[in-house]
Amino acid sequence: MASPILTFEQAVLGHDGRAVCRNLNFTLHEGECLGIIGGSGSGRSTILRVMLGTVPVMEGKMTYADGVTKDDIGCLPQARDPHMTTRVRDVVLAGCLRRGKLPFFTKHDRQIMSERLHLVGIADIEKRKFSELSGGMQQKVLLARALCAAKKLLLLDDPVHGLDRNAAEEMYGLIETICMVGMPVVMVCDDAAAVFRLATHILHLSPGDEPRFCGTKEEYLRTYEGKLFEAGVIL
């Protein structure tokens, strides 16, 4: 059986004193890709922040498995600053920073940075400025940065936000490759085709309430909610 990465137990998540998700119970394992779906205000991004260790649970608990810490998790956020004038290689290398450590990079860090640049296919633009790139290329750079930090888990918050169809398809292809090499992935996404293509498990959230579903993709497809989502409707 695959080793666990983290576990939610009777967790209530929220912000500003308001609960957005209740009674959250699941364990994420190595090799899984969890697709998180749900309507506005259902706590999708909040779950990612809790996993990152930047937001606490309101009740219950979220625990990392033995050998896993918040420093082992990389995240591709939804928002990006398209006007950064930093070189691509330096943006990606920043993913190797350890939290609370001085900003010094080792030879090993630079090797990881080079590997991630090649993995996402942007090694040839490493000396260009981030601001000179298209939205799709900028997202690839940020994915490479997240991968530098992702020793045990990669979080993706709407990874194709603001991208055109071709750029989005390229991004999904990269995510599929990352999943195939065994990196656990948690992805917030409203694209049914992408979720069913990439995810092994589905977490369907309901604003302010318990999840509508949490289980395997195959099980979800047999539910009423799953059939609606497959048709493009999110309850």
C-alpha atoms as a PDB file:
ATOM      1  CA  MET A   1       0.000   0.000   0.000  1.00  0.00           C
ATOM      2  CA  ALA A   2       1.228   3.504  -0.853  1.00  0.00           C
ATOM      3  CA  SER A   3       2.598   5.577   2.011  1.00  0.00           C
ATOM      4  CA  PRO A   4       0.489   8.472   3.325  1.00  0.00           C
ATOM      5  CA  ILE A   5       1.480  12.106   2.790  1.00  0.00           C
ATOM      6  CA  LEU A   6      -1.045  13.903   4.990  1.00  0.00           C
ATOM      7  CA  THR A   7      -4.374  13.314   6.709  1.00  0.00           C
ATOM      8  CA  PHE A   8      -7.415  15.452   7.540  1.00  0.00           C
ATOM      9  CA  GLU A   9      -9.503  14.312  10.519  1.00  0.00           C
ATOM     10  CA  GLN A  10     -12.843  15.915  11.400  1.00  0.00           C
ATOM     11  CA  ALA A  11     -11.367  19.152  10.049  1.00  0.00           C
ATOM     12  CA  VAL A  12     -13.277  22.405   9.794  1.00  0.00           C
ATOM     13  CA  LEU A  13     -11.653  24.953   7.491  1.00  0.00           C
ATOM     14  CA  GLY A  14     -12.385  28.635   7.124  1.00  0.00           C
ATOM     15  CA  HIS A  15     -11.178  32.207   7.384  1.00  0.00           C
ATOM     16  CA  ASP A  16     -12.190  35.359   9.250  1.00  0.00           C
ATOM     17  CA  GLY A  17     -14.053  33.157  11.723  1.00  0.00           C
ATOM     18  CA  ARG A  18     -16.352  31.702   9.033  1.00  0.00           C
ATOM     19  CA  ALA A  19     -16.319  28.019   8.188  1.00  0.00           C
ATOM     20  CA  VAL A  20     -16.184  27.175   4.474  1.00  0.00           C
ATOM     21  CA  CYS A  21     -15.757  23.404   4.777  1.00  0.00           C
ATOM     22  CA  ARG A  22     -16.803  21.009   7.551  1.00  0.00           C
ATOM     23  CA  ASN A  23     -16.125  17.413   8.551  1.00  0.00           C
ATOM     24  CA  LEU A  24     -13.216  16.893   6.174  1.00  0.00           C
ATOM     25  CA  ASN A  25     -11.796  13.369   6.452  1.00  0.00           C
ATOM     26  CA  PHE A  26      -9.326  11.867   4.012  1.00  0.00           C
ATOM     27  CA  THR A  27      -5.716  10.728   3.595  1.00  0.00           C
ATOM     28  CA  LEU A  28      -3.579  11.607   0.588  1.00  0.00           C
ATOM     29  CA  HIS A  29      -1.108   8.893  -0.446  1.00  0.00           C
ATOM     30  CA  GLU A  30       1.988   8.761  -2.602  1.00  0.00           C
ATOM     31  CA  GLY A  31       1.241   8.481  -6.304  1.00  0.00           C
ATOM     32  CA  GLU A  32      -2.253   9.958  -6.059  1.00  0.00           C
ATOM     33  CA  CYS A  33      -3.623  12.956  -7.913  1.00  0.00           C
ATOM     34  CA  LEU A  34      -6.486  14.551  -6.001  1.00  0.00           C
ATOM     35  CA  GLY A  35      -8.805  16.784  -8.020  1.00  0.00           C
ATOM     36  CA  ILE A  36     -10.619  19.341  -5.859  1.00  0.00           C
ATOM     37  CA  ILE A  37     -13.835  20.765  -7.291  1.00  0.00           C
ATOM     38  CA  GLY A  38     -16.704  22.807  -5.899  1.00  0.00           C
ATOM     39  CA  GLY A  39     -18.563  26.066  -6.159  1.00  0.00           C
ATOM     40  CA  SER A  40     -17.369  29.524  -5.178  1.00  0.00           C
ATOM     41  CA  GLY A  41     -16.679  29.814  -1.451  1.00  0.00           C
ATOM     42  CA  SER A  42     -16.394  26.059  -0.911  1.00  0.00           C
ATOM     43  CA  GLY A  43     -12.868  26.267   0.482  1.00  0.00           C
ATOM     44  CA  ARG A  44     -10.841  24.848  -2.401  1.00  0.00           C
ATOM     45  CA  SER A  45      -7.945  27.305  -2.090  1.00  0.00           C
ATOM     46  CA  THR A  46      -8.227  27.232   1.711  1.00  0.00           C
ATOM     47  CA  ILE A  47      -7.482  23.491   1.695  1.00  0.00           C
ATOM     48  CA  LEU A  48      -4.277  24.159  -0.247  1.00  0.00           C
ATOM     49  CA  ARG A  49      -3.219  26.819   2.257  1.00  0.00           C
ATOM     50  CA  VAL A  50      -3.835  24.401   5.130  1.00  0.00           C
ATOM     51  CA  MET A  51      -1.737  21.761   3.370  1.00  0.00           C
ATOM     52  CA  LEU A  52       1.036  24.341   2.924  1.00  0.00           C
ATOM     53  CA  GLY A  53       0.916  25.125   6.611  1.00  0.00           C
ATOM     54  CA  THR A  54       0.104  28.813   6.099  1.00  0.00           C
ATOM     55  CA  VAL A  55      -3.467  28.582   7.484  1.00  0.00           C
ATOM     56  CA  PRO A  56      -4.526  26.500  10.518  1.00  0.00           C
ATOM     57  CA  VAL A  57      -7.670  24.393  10.705  1.00  0.00           C
ATOM     58  CA  MET A  58     -10.491  25.884  12.784  1.00  0.00           C
ATOM     59  CA  GLU A  59     -11.377  22.519  14.347  1.00  0.00           C
ATOM     60  CA  GLY A  60     -10.126  18.956  14.021  1.00  0.00           C
ATOM     61  CA  LYS A  61      -6.666  18.480  12.583  1.00  0.00           C
ATOM     62  CA  MET A  62      -4.466  18.114   9.543  1.00  0.00           C
ATOM     63  CA  THR A  63      -1.285  16.125  10.123  1.00  0.00           C
ATOM     64  CA  TYR A  64       1.712  15.363   7.942  1.00  0.00           C
ATOM     65  CA  ALA A  65       2.887  11.764   7.790  1.00  0.00           C
ATOM     66  CA  ASP A  66       6.236  10.790   9.317  1.00  0.00           C
ATOM     67  CA  GLY A  67       9.057  12.180   7.205  1.00  0.00           C
ATOM     68  CA  VAL A  68       6.891  14.892   5.607  1.00  0.00           C
ATOM     69  CA  THR A  69       7.033  18.591   6.530  1.00  0.00           C
ATOM     70  CA  LYS A  70       5.578  21.756   5.045  1.00  0.00           C
ATOM     71  CA  ASP A  71       8.997  22.445   3.505  1.00  0.00           C
ATOM     72  CA  ASP A  72       8.501  19.373   1.281  1.00  0.00           C
ATOM     73  CA  ILE A  73       5.507  20.932  -0.481  1.00  0.00           C
ATOM     74  CA  GLY A  74       5.554  23.087  -3.605  1.00  0.00           C
ATOM     75  CA  CYS A  75       2.641  25.215  -4.787  1.00  0.00           C
ATOM     76  CA  LEU A  76       1.649  26.826  -8.062  1.00  0.00           C
ATOM     77  CA  PRO A  77      -0.683  29.679  -7.028  1.00  0.00           C
ATOM     78  CA  GLN A  78      -3.472  31.047  -9.168  1.00  0.00           C
ATOM     79  CA  ALA A  79      -2.136  34.607  -9.174  1.00  0.00           C
ATOM     80  CA  ARG A  80       1.123  35.646 -10.835  1.00  0.00           C
ATOM     81  CA  ASP A  81       2.942  38.934 -11.411  1.00  0.00           C
ATOM     82  CA  PRO A  82       3.476  39.141 -15.191  1.00  0.00           C
ATOM     83  CA  HIS A  83       5.740  42.179 -14.813  1.00  0.00           C
ATOM     84  CA  MET A  84       8.578  40.547 -12.851  1.00  0.00           C
ATOM     85  CA  THR A  85      11.877  41.483 -14.494  1.00  0.00           C
ATOM     86  CA  THR A  86      13.775  38.629 -12.818  1.00  0.00           C
ATOM     87  CA  ARG A  87      15.504  36.107 -15.076  1.00  0.00           C
ATOM     88  CA  VAL A  88      13.733  32.798 -15.570  1.00  0.00           C
ATOM     89  CA  ARG A  89      16.515  30.757 -13.940  1.00  0.00           C
ATOM     90  CA  ASP A  90      16.393  32.928 -10.806  1.00  0.00           C
ATOM     91  CA  VAL A  91      12.599  32.670 -10.538  1.00  0.00           C
ATOM     92  CA  VAL A  92      12.854  28.874 -10.701  1.00  0.00           C
ATOM     93  CA  LEU A  93      15.828  28.724  -8.321  1.00  0.00           C
ATOM     94  CA  ALA A  94      13.786  30.600  -5.710  1.00  0.00           C
ATOM     95  CA  GLY A  95      11.757  27.421  -5.301  1.00  0.00           C
ATOM     96  CA  CYS A  96      14.794  25.863  -3.606  1.00  0.00           C
ATOM     97  CA  LEU A  97      14.713  28.351  -0.738  1.00  0.00           C
ATOM     98  CA  ARG A  98      14.114  26.675   2.604  1.00  0.00           C
ATOM     99  CA  ARG A  99      11.656  28.494   4.826  1.00  0.00           C
ATOM    100  CA  GLY A 100      13.394  30.412   7.577  1.00  0.00           C
ATOM    101  CA  LYS A 101      16.836  29.881   5.995  1.00  0.00           C
ATOM    102  CA  LEU A 102      19.216  32.457   4.547  1.00  0.00           C
ATOM    103  CA  PRO A 103      18.899  32.887   0.751  1.00  0.00           C
ATOM    104  CA  PHE A 104      21.990  30.890  -0.185  1.00  0.00           C
ATOM    105  CA  PHE A 105      21.891  28.251  -2.888  1.00  0.00           C
ATOM    106  CA  THR A 106      24.008  25.123  -3.054  1.00  0.00           C
ATOM    107  CA  LYS A 107      25.359  23.253  -6.040  1.00  0.00           C
ATOM    108  CA  HIS A 108      22.613  20.695  -5.426  1.00  0.00           C
ATOM    109  CA  ASP A 109      19.967  23.456  -5.555  1.00  0.00           C
ATOM    110  CA  ARG A 110      21.260  24.594  -8.940  1.00  0.00           C
ATOM    111  CA  GLN A 111      21.229  21.019 -10.209  1.00  0.00           C
ATOM    112  CA  ILE A 112      17.572  20.656  -9.149  1.00  0.00           C
ATOM    113  CA  MET A 113      16.770  23.962 -10.855  1.00  0.00           C
ATOM    114  CA  SER A 114      18.363  22.748 -14.093  1.00  0.00           C
ATOM    115  CA  GLU A 115      16.459  19.445 -13.944  1.00  0.00           C
ATOM    116  CA  ARG A 116      13.132  21.225 -13.433  1.00  0.00           C
ATOM    117  CA  LEU A 117      13.826  23.621 -16.317  1.00  0.00           C
ATOM    118  CA  HIS A 118      14.379  20.634 -18.599  1.00  0.00           C
ATOM    119  CA  LEU A 119      11.356  18.757 -17.224  1.00  0.00           C
ATOM    120  CA  VAL A 120       8.940  21.526 -18.227  1.00  0.00           C
ATOM    121  CA  GLY A 121      10.800  22.292 -21.470  1.00  0.00           C
ATOM    122  CA  ILE A 122      12.080  25.799 -20.787  1.00  0.00           C
ATOM    123  CA  ALA A 123      15.836  25.277 -20.391  1.00  0.00           C
ATOM    124  CA  ASP A 124      16.417  27.269 -23.574  1.00  0.00           C
ATOM    125  CA  ILE A 125      14.880  30.444 -22.103  1.00  0.00           C
ATOM    126  CA  GLU A 126      16.518  30.383 -18.668  1.00  0.00           C
ATOM    127  CA  LYS A 127      18.357  33.679 -19.258  1.00  0.00           C
ATOM    128  CA  ARG A 128      15.305  35.600 -20.460  1.00  0.00           C
ATOM    129  CA  LYS A 129      13.336  37.948 -18.234  1.00  0.00           C
ATOM    130  CA  PHE A 130      10.068  36.617 -16.844  1.00  0.00           C
ATOM    131  CA  SER A 131       8.203  39.751 -18.007  1.00  0.00           C
ATOM    132  CA  GLU A 132       9.165  39.072 -21.644  1.00  0.00           C
ATOM    133  CA  LEU A 133       7.305  35.770 -21.764  1.00  0.00           C
ATOM    134  CA  SER A 134       3.764  34.881 -22.793  1.00  0.00           C
ATOM    135  CA  GLY A 135       1.250  33.878 -20.124  1.00  0.00           C
ATOM    136  CA  GLY A 136       1.663  30.208 -20.983  1.00  0.00           C
ATOM    137  CA  MET A 137       5.445  30.358 -20.717  1.00  0.00           C
ATOM    138  CA  GLN A 138       5.238  32.291 -17.446  1.00  0.00           C
ATOM    139  CA  GLN A 139       3.034  29.558 -16.015  1.00  0.00           C
ATOM    140  CA  LYS A 140       5.604  26.940 -17.042  1.00  0.00           C
ATOM    141  CA  VAL A 141       8.296  28.924 -15.214  1.00  0.00           C
ATOM    142  CA  LEU A 142       6.170  29.042 -12.059  1.00  0.00           C
ATOM    143  CA  LEU A 143       5.432  25.329 -12.359  1.00  0.00           C
ATOM    144  CA  ALA A 144       9.180  24.652 -12.509  1.00  0.00           C
ATOM    145  CA  ARG A 145       9.646  26.820  -9.400  1.00  0.00           C
ATOM    146  CA  ALA A 146       6.929  24.886  -7.559  1.00  0.00           C
ATOM    147  CA  LEU A 147       8.583  21.610  -8.564  1.00  0.00           C
ATOM    148  CA  CYS A 148      11.875  22.777  -7.036  1.00  0.00           C
ATOM    149  CA  ALA A 149      10.074  23.011  -3.690  1.00  0.00           C
ATOM    150  CA  ALA A 150       7.965  19.862  -4.159  1.00  0.00           C
ATOM    151  CA  LYS A 151       9.999  17.090  -2.591  1.00  0.00           C
ATOM    152  CA  LYS A 152       6.899  15.172  -1.438  1.00  0.00           C
ATOM    153  CA  LEU A 153       3.798  16.998  -2.765  1.00  0.00           C
ATOM    154  CA  LEU A 154       2.781  19.457  -5.502  1.00  0.00           C
ATOM    155  CA  LEU A 155      -0.241  21.759  -5.088  1.00  0.00           C
ATOM    156  CA  LEU A 156      -1.876  23.400  -8.124  1.00  0.00           C
ATOM    157  CA  ASP A 157      -4.451  26.168  -7.698  1.00  0.00           C
ATOM    158  CA  ASP A 158      -6.307  26.438 -11.022  1.00  0.00           C
ATOM    159  CA  PRO A 159      -3.101  25.852 -13.030  1.00  0.00           C
ATOM    160  CA  VAL A 160      -4.519  27.054 -16.367  1.00  0.00           C
ATOM    161  CA  HIS A 161      -6.072  30.278 -15.048  1.00  0.00           C
ATOM    162  CA  GLY A 162      -5.850  32.979 -17.735  1.00  0.00           C
ATOM    163  CA  LEU A 163      -4.326  30.680 -20.373  1.00  0.00           C
ATOM    164  CA  ASP A 164      -5.610  30.151 -23.895  1.00  0.00           C
ATOM    165  CA  ARG A 165      -6.661  26.695 -25.053  1.00  0.00           C
ATOM    166  CA  ASN A 166      -3.299  25.683 -26.510  1.00  0.00           C
ATOM    167  CA  ALA A 167      -1.327  26.870 -23.476  1.00  0.00           C
ATOM    168  CA  ALA A 168      -3.809  25.130 -21.171  1.00  0.00           C
ATOM    169  CA  GLU A 169      -3.425  21.850 -23.050  1.00  0.00           C
ATOM    170  CA  GLU A 170       0.371  22.112 -22.786  1.00  0.00           C
ATOM    171  CA  MET A 171       0.058  22.717 -19.041  1.00  0.00           C
ATOM    172  CA  TYR A 172      -2.226  19.710 -18.584  1.00  0.00           C
ATOM    173  CA  GLY A 173       0.264  17.613 -20.538  1.00  0.00           C
ATOM    174  CA  LEU A 174       3.054  18.640 -18.170  1.00  0.00           C
ATOM    175  CA  ILE A 175       0.897  17.851 -15.139  1.00  0.00           C
ATOM    176  CA  GLU A 176       0.118  14.445 -16.608  1.00  0.00           C
ATOM    177  CA  THR A 177       3.852  13.759 -16.974  1.00  0.00           C
ATOM    178  CA  ILE A 178       4.448  14.828 -13.366  1.00  0.00           C
ATOM    179  CA  CYS A 179       1.705  12.492 -12.173  1.00  0.00           C
ATOM    180  CA  MET A 180       3.109   9.622 -14.246  1.00  0.00           C
ATOM    181  CA  VAL A 181       6.518   9.861 -12.553  1.00  0.00           C
ATOM    182  CA  GLY A 182       4.783   9.374  -9.194  1.00  0.00           C
ATOM    183  CA  MET A 183       4.701  12.869  -7.687  1.00  0.00           C
ATOM    184  CA  PRO A 184       1.547  13.262  -5.526  1.00  0.00           C
ATOM    185  CA  VAL A 185      -0.522  16.166  -6.854  1.00  0.00           C
ATOM    186  CA  VAL A 186      -3.466  18.108  -5.445  1.00  0.00           C
ATOM    187  CA  MET A 187      -5.174  20.199  -8.121  1.00  0.00           C
ATOM    188  CA  VAL A 188      -8.011  22.705  -7.838  1.00  0.00           C
ATOM    189  CA  CYS A 189      -9.749  22.655 -11.210  1.00  0.00           C
ATOM    190  CA  ASP A 190     -13.216  23.223 -12.722  1.00  0.00           C
ATOM    191  CA  ASP A 191     -12.405  21.597 -16.083  1.00  0.00           C
ATOM    192  CA  ALA A 192     -14.212  18.249 -15.993  1.00  0.00           C
ATOM    193  CA  ALA A 193     -12.242  16.773 -18.893  1.00  0.00           C
ATOM    194  CA  ALA A 194      -8.936  17.672 -17.225  1.00  0.00           C
ATOM    195  CA  VAL A 195     -10.006  16.392 -13.811  1.00  0.00           C
ATOM    196  CA  PHE A 196     -11.149  13.037 -15.175  1.00  0.00           C
ATOM    197  CA  ARG A 197      -8.011  12.788 -17.325  1.00  0.00           C
ATOM    198  CA  LEU A 198      -5.546  13.514 -14.507  1.00  0.00           C
ATOM    199  CA  ALA A 199      -7.109  12.742 -11.131  1.00  0.00           C
ATOM    200  CA  THR A 200      -7.086   9.381  -9.394  1.00  0.00           C
ATOM    201  CA  HIS A 201      -9.317  10.741  -6.610  1.00  0.00           C
ATOM    202  CA  ILE A 202     -11.966  13.465  -6.363  1.00  0.00           C
ATOM    203  CA  LEU A 203     -12.885  15.783  -3.495  1.00  0.00           C
ATOM    204  CA  HIS A 204     -16.145  17.616  -4.248  1.00  0.00           C
ATOM    205  CA  LEU A 205     -16.728  20.454  -1.798  1.00  0.00           C
ATOM    206  CA  SER A 206     -19.949  22.215  -0.848  1.00  0.00           C
ATOM    207  CA  PRO A 207     -19.817  25.818   0.478  1.00  0.00           C
ATOM    208  CA  GLY A 208     -20.026  25.862   4.281  1.00  0.00           C
ATOM    209  CA  ASP A 209     -20.962  22.195   4.502  1.00  0.00           C
ATOM    210  CA  GLU A 210     -19.542  18.684   4.444  1.00  0.00           C
ATOM    211  CA  PRO A 211     -17.967  17.452   1.178  1.00  0.00           C
ATOM    212  CA  ARG A 212     -20.428  16.073  -1.344  1.00  0.00           C
ATOM    213  CA  PHE A 213     -17.944  13.337  -2.226  1.00  0.00           C
ATOM    214  CA  CYS A 214     -14.437  12.107  -1.423  1.00  0.00           C
ATOM    215  CA  GLY A 215     -13.129   8.953  -3.047  1.00  0.00           C
ATOM    216  CA  THR A 216     -11.802   7.477  -6.266  1.00  0.00           C
ATOM    217  CA  LYS A 217     -12.550   8.917  -9.691  1.00  0.00           C
ATOM    218  CA  GLU A 218     -14.326   5.729 -10.726  1.00  0.00           C
ATOM    219  CA  GLU A 219     -16.631   5.902  -7.706  1.00  0.00           C
ATOM    220  CA  TYR A 220     -17.361   9.563  -8.346  1.00  0.00           C
ATOM    221  CA  LEU A 221     -18.364   8.940 -11.954  1.00  0.00           C
ATOM    222  CA  ARG A 222     -21.137   6.659 -10.698  1.00  0.00           C
ATOM    223  CA  THR A 223     -22.669   9.355  -8.477  1.00  0.00           C
ATOM    224  CA  TYR A 224     -25.304  11.926  -9.386  1.00  0.00           C
ATOM    225  CA  GLU A 225     -22.830  14.747  -8.707  1.00  0.00           C
ATOM    226  CA  GLY A 226     -20.206  13.053 -10.849  1.00  0.00           C
ATOM    227  CA  LYS A 227     -22.518  12.634 -13.799  1.00  0.00           C
ATOM    228  CA  LEU A 228     -23.506  16.310 -13.595  1.00  0.00           C
ATOM    229  CA  PHE A 229     -19.880  17.430 -13.358  1.00  0.00           C
ATOM    230  CA  GLU A 230     -19.018  15.301 -16.376  1.00  0.00           C
ATOM    231  CA  ALA A 231     -21.729  17.245 -18.214  1.00  0.00           C
ATOM    232  CA  GLY A 232     -20.213  20.555 -17.076  1.00  0.00           C
ATOM    233  CA  VAL A 233     -22.446  21.303 -14.071  1.00  0.00           C
ATOM    234  CA  ILE A 234     -20.927  21.824 -10.593  1.00  0.00           C
ATOM    235  CA  LEU A 235     -23.293  21.559  -7.662  1.00  0.00           C
END
